[in-house]
C-alpha atoms as a PDB file:
ATOM      1  CA  MET A   1     104.631 -58.524-123.621  1.00  0.00           C
ATOM      2  CA  SER A   2     102.497 -56.545-126.071  1.00  0.00           C
ATOM      3  CA  THR A   3      99.843 -54.081-124.911  1.00  0.00           C
ATOM      4  CA  GLY A   4      98.309 -53.575-128.325  1.00  0.00           C
ATOM      5  CA  GLU A   5      99.600 -50.013-128.522  1.00  0.00           C
ATOM      6  CA  LEU A   6     101.337 -48.949-131.723  1.00  0.00           C
ATOM      7  CA  SER A   7     103.707 -46.661-129.864  1.00  0.00           C
ATOM      8  CA  SER A   8     105.426 -46.592-126.504  1.00  0.00           C
ATOM      9  CA  VAL A   9     104.762 -42.848-126.319  1.00  0.00           C
ATOM     10  CA  ASP A  10     101.979 -41.859-123.897  1.00  0.00           C
ATOM     11  CA  ASN A  11     100.231 -39.468-126.267  1.00  0.00           C
ATOM     12  CA  HIS A  12      99.961 -40.075-129.962  1.00  0.00           C
ATOM     13  CA  PRO A  13     101.038 -37.024-132.023  1.00  0.00           C
ATOM     14  CA  GLY A  14      97.481 -36.807-133.364  1.00  0.00           C
ATOM     15  CA  ASP A  15      96.172 -36.519-129.810  1.00  0.00           C
ATOM     16  CA  ILE A  16      98.559 -33.638-129.127  1.00  0.00           C
ATOM     17  CA  GLY A  17      97.373 -31.898-132.299  1.00  0.00           C
ATOM     18  CA  THR A  18      93.747 -32.338-131.247  1.00  0.00           C
ATOM     19  CA  GLU A  19      94.471 -30.974-127.768  1.00  0.00           C
ATOM     20  CA  THR A  20      96.306 -27.989-129.252  1.00  0.00           C
ATOM     21  CA  PHE A  21      93.399 -27.261-131.596  1.00  0.00           C
ATOM     22  CA  GLU A  22      90.833 -27.551-128.807  1.00  0.00           C
ATOM     23  CA  ARG A  23      92.872 -25.275-126.523  1.00  0.00           C
ATOM     24  CA  SER A  24      93.219 -22.681-129.287  1.00  0.00           C
ATOM     25  CA  ARG A  25      89.492 -22.855-129.951  1.00  0.00           C
ATOM     26  CA  ASP A  26      88.693 -22.442-126.250  1.00  0.00           C
ATOM     27  CA  LEU A  27      90.994 -19.415-126.002  1.00  0.00           C
ATOM     28  CA  ALA A  28      89.362 -17.833-129.061  1.00  0.00           C
ATOM     29  CA  ILE A  29      85.895 -18.384-127.582  1.00  0.00           C
ATOM     30  CA  ASN A  30      87.006 -16.854-124.270  1.00  0.00           C
ATOM     31  CA  ASP A  31      88.463 -13.827-126.074  1.00  0.00           C
ATOM     32  CA  LYS A  32      85.250 -13.344-128.064  1.00  0.00           C
ATOM     33  CA  LEU A  33      83.099 -13.577-124.935  1.00  0.00           C
ATOM     34  CA  ALA A  34      85.341 -11.140-123.058  1.00  0.00           C
ATOM     35  CA  GLN A  35      85.084  -8.669-125.950  1.00  0.00           C
ATOM     36  CA  GLU A  36      81.299  -9.067-126.038  1.00  0.00           C
ATOM     37  CA  LEU A  37      81.095  -8.457-122.282  1.00  0.00           C
ATOM     38  CA  GLU A  38      83.099  -5.234-122.697  1.00  0.00           C
ATOM     39  CA  GLU A  39      80.704  -4.106-125.438  1.00  0.00           C
ATOM     40  CA  ILE A  40      77.692  -4.865-123.222  1.00  0.00           C
ATOM     41  CA  GLU A  41      79.215  -2.935-120.321  1.00  0.00           C
ATOM     42  CA  ALA A  42      79.889   0.000-122.666  1.00  0.00           C
ATOM     43  CA  ALA A  43      76.253  -0.124-123.852  1.00  0.00           C
ATOM     44  CA  LEU A  44      75.070  -0.039-120.244  1.00  0.00           C
ATOM     45  CA  GLN A  45      77.312   2.990-119.677  1.00  0.00           C
ATOM     46  CA  ARG A  46      75.779   4.692-122.737  1.00  0.00           C
ATOM     47  CA  MET A  47      72.325   3.981-121.262  1.00  0.00           C
ATOM     48  CA  ASP A  48      73.362   5.693-118.026  1.00  0.00           C
ATOM     49  CA  GLU A  49      74.691   8.656-120.031  1.00  0.00           C
ATOM     50  CA  GLY A  50      71.579   8.853-122.212  1.00  0.00           C
ATOM     51  CA  THR A  51      73.505   8.190-125.436  1.00  0.00           C
ATOM     52  CA  TYR A  52      72.399   4.596-126.047  1.00  0.00           C
ATOM     53  CA  GLY A  53      71.114   4.091-129.582  1.00  0.00           C
ATOM     54  CA  ILE A  54      73.256   6.883-131.016  1.00  0.00           C
ATOM     55  CA  CYS A  55      76.175   5.877-133.262  1.00  0.00           C
ATOM     56  CA  ILE A  56      79.447   6.928-131.644  1.00  0.00           C
ATOM     57  CA  ALA A  57      81.032   7.557-135.066  1.00  0.00           C
ATOM     58  CA  SER A  58      78.317   9.369-137.034  1.00  0.00           C
ATOM     59  CA  LYS A  59      76.142  10.582-134.131  1.00  0.00           C
ATOM     60  CA  GLU A  60      73.108   9.289-136.078  1.00  0.00           C
ATOM     61  CA  GLU A  61      70.370   7.222-134.483  1.00  0.00           C
ATOM     62  CA  ILE A  62      71.011   3.488-134.758  1.00  0.00           C
ATOM     63  CA  PRO A  63      68.072   1.758-136.499  1.00  0.00           C
ATOM     64  CA  TYR A  64      65.786  -0.156-134.155  1.00  0.00           C
ATOM     65  CA  GLU A  65      66.212  -3.353-136.180  1.00  0.00           C
ATOM     66  CA  ARG A  66      69.981  -3.223-135.675  1.00  0.00           C
ATOM     67  CA  LEU A  67      69.616  -2.632-131.940  1.00  0.00           C
ATOM     68  CA  GLU A  68      67.152  -5.494-131.782  1.00  0.00           C
ATOM     69  CA  ALA A  69      69.672  -7.801-133.488  1.00  0.00           C
ATOM     70  CA  ILE A  70      72.750  -6.524-131.609  1.00  0.00           C
ATOM     71  CA  PRO A  71      71.558  -4.606-128.515  1.00  0.00           C
ATOM     72  CA  TYR A  72      75.081  -3.619-127.472  1.00  0.00           C
ATOM     73  CA  THR A  73      76.132  -2.163-130.833  1.00  0.00           C
ATOM     74  CA  ALA A  74      77.631   1.307-130.833  1.00  0.00           C
ATOM     75  CA  TYR A  75      77.516   1.813-134.607  1.00  0.00           C
ATOM     76  CA  THR A  76      74.883   2.182-137.323  1.00  0.00           C
ATOM     77  CA  ALA A  77      76.745  -0.247-139.592  1.00  0.00           C
END
């Protein structure tokens, strides 16, 4: 009896490749969000310390436009 399937294998190799890609993408997104959360927490700490808006490398004031675009940035560039 034929089921119309081209293979007797449960998952087609293309499906496995798609699942692998999607899992890798999800892990990358999670890593990026975790990193961003750490940067936000560090910015909140700098606010508590009174150093928010000051570049941690050059000790120069971070331009307002940059802080507006990336509020958790710790660098002028």
